Amino acid sequence: MENVLFSIRGVSFYAYGFMLGLGILGGSSLALREARRRGIGMERMSDYVFWAALVFLVVGRIAQCVAVHGFQLLTRPWVVVTELSFGIHFTAGLVAVALFSLWFIYDRSIVPSLFVDALTPAVALTLALSHLGSDVFGRSTSLPWAVQLGEFQMHPVQLYAAVGFYTIFTILWRMRRATRYDGQLFVGFVTMTAWLMWILSFFREVGERSMSPWVLFFLAMAASLMAVLLYMNSPRPYGLRRRTSRFVSCIWGAVFYSFGLMAMVLFFFARVR
C-alpha cells in the first residue's frame, strides 16, 4: 500500500499545488471584494493575503521536511526546495497563519469580527479546492465510486471533504448579506466544519493520532449550541438585500452549485484514474 501511494505522490503533489494555488487566487479575489464591501480596505486585505500565503507555504514546507528528515534537516537544508514531492504540512501551516492573523489584526487595528467574516468564504473555497488535489485516501470499500490503488479500493475521502467545503462555501456566500451579527459567517463556518469532520471520520483511516468520532460529535454539538445562542440573542438581519426574487436567486444558486460540483467530481476522477 505504501509503495502505491509513493508512486502517485509526485503527480499528486503537483495536482495539490495547482489546486491550492487556484484556491488561494480564487479566495483572494473574494476576500478583496468582501473587504471593500465591509469597509476594511482592499490594501490591508491584499497585504494580509500575500503574507498569510507566504507564511503558510514556508512554515508548512519546513514543518513537513522536519517531519520527514528530523534533525538531519540541519545538515541538508536544501531539501526544503529540492524534495518537493513530500508536500506541505497542512496543519502546521494553518497554525502559523492563525498566529499571524492575530498579530495582523492587532497591528492594523482591524475589527476582528468584520475581518474574519470577510475571510471566511474565501477560506472555505480554498479548503475545497486544496482537498480536491490531495492524495489522502480513506478506508477500503467496494462502492462503485471507490478509487483503485493497486490491489486496494478506497474511499475518495478527499473528494468528500472538497464537496463538503464547497457546500459550506456556497451557504456562506449566500448568507453573507443577511447576517444578524458581525462574526456570524465565522461561527457558521466553524459549526459546519465541525460536523463535516465528524462525518468524514467514518470514512478516514483510523490511526494512533485519529480523533475519536465521539469527540468530534460533542465538539460539533457545542459549536451548534453556540451558534444558536448567538443567533437567537441578536437583532434581525441587516445589510443589503438582492432585488431579484428569492425564488429566482435560489434557482441561479442551485445552477451554479451543480455546475461547480460536477466540475469538481469530473476533475477528481480524471486525475486519479
Protein backbone atom coordinates (compact mmCIF):
# COMPACT_ATOMS: atom_id res chain seq x y z
CA MET A 1 0.00 0.00 0.00
CA GLU A 2 2.80 2.44 0.89
CA ASN A 3 4.52 1.72 -2.43
CA VAL A 4 1.34 2.52 -4.34
CA LEU A 5 0.89 5.82 -2.50
CA PHE A 6 4.54 6.72 -3.04
CA SER A 7 4.27 6.02 -6.75
CA ILE A 8 1.49 8.61 -7.15
CA ARG A 9 2.85 11.12 -4.60
CA GLY A 10 4.89 13.09 -7.11
CA VAL A 11 1.98 13.54 -9.50
CA SER A 12 -0.41 14.22 -6.62
CA PHE A 13 1.88 16.88 -5.18
CA TYR A 14 1.73 18.90 -8.40
CA ALA A 15 -2.04 18.44 -8.54
CA TYR A 16 -2.26 19.55 -4.91
CA GLY A 17 -0.01 22.54 -5.55
CA PHE A 18 -2.05 23.56 -8.58
CA MET A 19 -5.39 23.29 -6.76
CA LEU A 20 -4.02 25.02 -3.65
CA GLY A 21 -2.73 27.87 -5.80
CA LEU A 22 -6.05 28.08 -7.62
CA GLY A 23 -7.86 28.14 -4.28
CA ILE A 24 -5.62 30.92 -2.96
CA LEU A 25 -6.18 33.00 -6.10
CA GLY A 26 -9.94 32.48 -6.07
CA GLY A 27 -10.18 33.01 -2.34
CA SER A 28 -8.05 36.15 -2.53
CA SER A 29 -10.35 37.76 -5.08
CA LEU A 30 -13.37 37.02 -2.89
CA ALA A 31 -11.61 38.30 0.24
CA LEU A 32 -10.69 41.56 -1.50
CA ARG A 33 -14.25 42.01 -2.65
CA GLU A 34 -15.63 41.42 0.82
CA ALA A 35 -13.00 43.68 2.41
CA ARG A 36 -14.09 46.56 0.21
CA ARG A 37 -17.77 45.94 0.94
CA ARG A 38 -17.20 45.78 4.69
CA GLY A 39 -15.01 48.87 4.83
CA ILE A 40 -11.80 47.06 5.82
CA GLY A 41 -9.86 48.29 2.81
CA MET A 42 -8.53 46.35 -0.15
CA GLU A 43 -4.94 47.42 0.53
CA ARG A 44 -4.91 45.96 4.03
CA MET A 45 -6.58 42.77 2.82
CA SER A 46 -4.16 42.37 -0.10
CA ASP A 47 -1.24 42.75 2.34
CA TYR A 48 -2.76 40.11 4.59
CA VAL A 49 -3.40 37.65 1.75
CA PHE A 50 0.15 37.93 0.44
CA TRP A 51 1.87 37.48 3.80
CA ALA A 52 -0.56 34.82 5.03
CA ALA A 53 0.01 32.74 1.89
CA LEU A 54 3.77 33.13 2.28
CA VAL A 55 3.65 32.14 5.96
CA PHE A 56 1.55 29.07 5.15
CA LEU A 57 3.84 27.88 2.37
CA VAL A 58 7.14 28.49 4.20
CA VAL A 59 6.13 27.16 7.62
CA GLY A 60 4.17 24.25 6.14
CA ARG A 61 7.07 23.29 3.90
CA ILE A 62 9.69 23.46 6.66
CA ALA A 63 7.44 21.53 9.07
CA GLN A 64 6.92 18.77 6.51
CA CYS A 65 10.66 18.47 5.89
CA VAL A 66 11.26 18.28 9.65
CA ALA A 67 8.63 15.53 9.92
CA VAL A 68 10.34 13.53 7.16
CA HIS A 69 14.05 14.15 7.88
CA GLY A 70 14.09 15.15 11.55
CA PHE A 71 17.35 16.67 12.78
CA GLN A 72 19.07 15.64 9.56
CA LEU A 73 17.43 18.69 8.01
CA LEU A 74 20.10 20.82 9.72
CA THR A 75 22.79 19.15 7.62
CA ARG A 76 20.68 19.09 4.43
CA PRO A 77 18.66 22.33 4.45
CA TRP A 78 18.46 22.39 0.65
CA VAL A 79 15.84 19.61 0.67
CA VAL A 80 13.27 22.28 1.57
CA VAL A 81 13.39 23.46 -2.04
CA THR A 82 14.55 20.28 -3.79
CA GLU A 83 12.41 17.41 -2.45
CA LEU A 84 9.06 18.93 -3.34
CA SER A 85 7.29 15.58 -3.61
CA PHE A 86 6.92 15.43 0.19
CA GLY A 87 4.47 18.31 0.01
CA ILE A 88 3.39 20.72 2.75
CA HIS A 89 2.38 20.13 6.37
CA PHE A 90 -1.17 21.50 6.23
CA THR A 91 -1.80 21.66 9.98
CA ALA A 92 1.46 23.46 10.78
CA GLY A 93 0.77 25.95 8.02
CA LEU A 94 -2.73 26.68 9.32
CA VAL A 95 -1.48 27.19 12.89
CA ALA A 96 1.17 29.60 11.65
CA VAL A 97 -1.42 31.53 9.63
CA ALA A 98 -3.75 31.69 12.65
CA LEU A 99 -0.98 33.20 14.80
CA PHE A 100 -0.02 35.60 12.03
CA SER A 101 -3.69 36.62 11.66
CA LEU A 102 -3.93 37.54 15.35
CA TRP A 103 -0.83 39.71 15.06
CA PHE A 104 -2.05 41.31 11.82
CA ILE A 105 -5.46 42.22 13.28
CA TYR A 106 -3.80 43.78 16.31
CA ASP A 107 -1.11 45.59 14.32
CA ARG A 108 -3.52 47.08 11.77
CA SER A 109 -6.27 47.88 14.33
CA ILE A 110 -8.95 45.93 12.44
CA VAL A 111 -12.27 44.89 13.97
CA PRO A 112 -11.75 41.11 14.36
CA SER A 113 -15.36 40.08 13.68
CA LEU A 114 -15.51 42.06 10.41
CA PHE A 115 -12.13 40.72 9.34
CA VAL A 116 -12.91 37.04 9.89
CA ASP A 117 -16.30 37.39 8.18
CA ALA A 118 -14.60 38.89 5.13
CA LEU A 119 -12.13 35.99 5.05
CA THR A 120 -14.39 33.05 5.91
CA PRO A 121 -15.96 32.36 2.47
CA ALA A 122 -12.51 32.64 0.88
CA VAL A 123 -11.08 30.13 3.35
CA ALA A 124 -13.92 27.67 2.65
CA LEU A 125 -13.31 27.90 -1.11
CA THR A 126 -9.56 27.46 -0.68
CA LEU A 127 -10.06 24.39 1.50
CA ALA A 128 -12.46 22.90 -1.04
CA LEU A 129 -10.02 23.24 -3.93
CA SER A 130 -6.95 22.19 -1.94
CA HIS A 131 -8.66 18.98 -0.77
CA LEU A 132 -9.53 18.24 -4.37
CA GLY A 133 -5.81 17.91 -5.15
CA SER A 134 -4.97 15.89 -2.04
CA ASP A 135 -3.72 12.29 -2.11
CA VAL A 136 -5.09 11.31 1.33
CA PHE A 137 -7.47 8.42 0.71
CA GLY A 138 -9.86 6.78 3.15
CA ARG A 139 -10.84 3.29 4.23
CA SER A 140 -11.23 0.30 1.95
CA THR A 141 -14.61 0.00 0.28
CA SER A 142 -16.40 -1.77 -2.56
CA LEU A 143 -18.61 1.15 -3.54
CA PRO A 144 -18.85 1.92 -7.28
CA TRP A 145 -17.05 5.26 -6.92
CA ALA A 146 -14.12 3.81 -4.95
CA VAL A 147 -10.62 4.75 -6.14
CA GLN A 148 -8.48 1.83 -7.30
CA LEU A 149 -4.90 1.99 -5.99
CA GLY A 150 -3.10 -1.19 -6.93
CA GLU A 151 -4.97 -4.02 -5.21
CA PHE A 152 -6.92 -1.66 -2.97
CA GLN A 153 -10.24 0.10 -3.43
CA MET A 154 -10.55 3.13 -1.16
CA HIS A 155 -12.99 5.87 -0.24
CA PRO A 156 -12.16 9.14 -2.05
CA VAL A 157 -12.32 10.94 1.28
CA GLN A 158 -10.55 13.99 -0.14
CA LEU A 159 -13.40 14.35 -2.65
CA TYR A 160 -15.93 14.08 0.19
CA ALA A 161 -14.08 16.84 2.02
CA ALA A 162 -13.85 19.01 -1.10
CA VAL A 163 -17.59 18.69 -1.74
CA GLY A 164 -18.29 19.41 1.93
CA PHE A 165 -16.23 22.60 1.98
CA TYR A 166 -17.66 23.64 -1.38
CA THR A 167 -21.15 23.27 0.09
CA ILE A 168 -20.10 25.29 3.15
CA PHE A 169 -18.70 27.99 0.88
CA THR A 170 -21.94 28.15 -1.10
CA ILE A 171 -24.03 28.53 2.06
CA LEU A 172 -21.74 31.22 3.50
CA TRP A 173 -21.64 33.15 0.24
CA ARG A 174 -25.43 33.27 0.03
CA MET A 175 -25.93 34.35 3.64
CA ARG A 176 -23.16 36.98 3.76
CA ARG A 177 -25.56 39.90 3.07
CA ALA A 178 -28.17 38.91 5.65
CA THR A 179 -26.25 38.25 8.85
CA ARG A 180 -27.58 39.13 12.28
CA TYR A 181 -24.22 39.98 13.85
CA ASP A 182 -20.60 40.50 12.87
CA GLY A 183 -18.77 37.21 13.09
CA GLN A 184 -21.78 35.08 12.13
CA LEU A 185 -20.11 33.73 8.99
CA PHE A 186 -17.11 32.60 11.02
CA VAL A 187 -19.29 30.93 13.65
CA GLY A 188 -21.28 29.21 10.90
CA PHE A 189 -18.07 28.04 9.23
CA VAL A 190 -16.72 26.57 12.47
CA THR A 191 -20.03 24.82 13.17
CA MET A 192 -20.43 23.31 9.70
CA THR A 193 -16.75 22.33 9.57
CA ALA A 194 -17.09 20.50 12.90
CA TRP A 195 -20.00 18.48 11.55
CA LEU A 196 -18.12 17.79 8.32
CA MET A 197 -15.11 16.48 10.25
CA TRP A 198 -17.41 14.21 12.25
CA ILE A 199 -18.96 12.79 9.07
CA LEU A 200 -15.56 12.30 7.42
CA SER A 201 -14.26 10.42 10.47
CA PHE A 202 -16.39 7.42 9.41
CA PHE A 203 -14.54 7.22 6.08
CA ARG A 204 -10.96 8.05 7.10
CA GLU A 205 -8.34 5.50 8.06
CA VAL A 206 -8.07 5.16 11.84
CA GLY A 207 -4.60 5.86 13.22
CA GLU A 208 -3.00 6.45 16.56
CA ARG A 209 -3.47 10.20 16.21
CA SER A 210 -7.03 10.00 14.89
CA MET A 211 -9.57 11.88 16.96
CA SER A 212 -12.50 9.83 18.23
CA PRO A 213 -15.81 10.38 16.36
CA TRP A 214 -17.43 10.93 19.76
CA VAL A 215 -15.07 13.83 20.48
CA LEU A 216 -15.83 15.35 17.09
CA PHE A 217 -19.55 14.85 17.70
CA PHE A 218 -19.51 16.70 21.01
CA LEU A 219 -17.40 19.49 19.51
CA ALA A 220 -19.93 19.84 16.70
CA MET A 221 -22.80 19.89 19.20
CA ALA A 222 -21.05 22.56 21.29
CA ALA A 223 -20.41 24.69 18.20
CA SER A 224 -24.05 24.30 17.14
CA LEU A 225 -25.29 25.35 20.57
CA MET A 226 -23.07 28.42 20.49
CA ALA A 227 -24.28 29.34 17.01
CA VAL A 228 -27.94 29.01 18.03
CA LEU A 229 -27.49 31.09 21.19
CA LEU A 230 -25.68 33.86 19.32
CA TYR A 231 -28.31 33.88 16.60
CA MET A 232 -31.26 33.96 18.99
CA ASN A 233 -29.77 36.82 21.02
CA SER A 234 -29.00 39.02 18.01
CA PRO A 235 -31.23 41.55 16.20
CA ARG A 236 -32.95 40.78 12.93
CA PRO A 237 -30.84 40.56 9.75
CA TYR A 238 -29.31 43.70 8.37
CA GLY A 239 -27.39 44.60 5.27
CA LEU A 240 -28.08 44.77 1.56
CA ARG A 241 -30.78 42.62 0.00
CA ARG A 242 -30.94 41.33 -3.53
CA ARG A 243 -33.61 42.92 -5.68
CA THR A 244 -34.36 39.73 -7.51
CA SER A 245 -36.92 37.41 -6.04
CA ARG A 246 -35.87 34.76 -3.58
CA PHE A 247 -37.08 32.01 -5.92
CA VAL A 248 -35.02 33.22 -8.88
CA SER A 249 -31.99 33.69 -6.64
CA CYS A 250 -32.29 30.14 -5.32
CA ILE A 251 -32.59 28.74 -8.85
CA TRP A 252 -29.46 30.52 -10.02
CA GLY A 253 -27.65 29.45 -6.87
CA ALA A 254 -28.60 25.82 -7.45
CA VAL A 255 -27.44 26.01 -11.07
CA PHE A 256 -24.02 27.42 -10.19
CA TYR A 257 -23.62 24.98 -7.29
CA SER A 258 -24.47 21.99 -9.52
CA PHE A 259 -22.08 23.15 -12.23
CA GLY A 260 -19.24 23.57 -9.72
CA LEU A 261 -19.98 20.22 -8.10
CA MET A 262 -19.97 18.40 -11.44
CA ALA A 263 -16.69 20.06 -12.43
CA MET A 264 -15.06 19.02 -9.14
CA VAL A 265 -16.14 15.39 -9.48
CA LEU A 266 -15.02 15.15 -13.11
CA PHE A 267 -11.65 16.73 -12.31
CA PHE A 268 -11.01 14.42 -9.36
CA PHE A 269 -11.76 11.15 -11.16
CA ALA A 270 -9.87 12.29 -14.26
CA ARG A 271 -6.85 12.87 -12.02
CA VAL A 272 -6.90 9.61 -10.04
CA ARG A 273 -7.83 7.34 -12.92
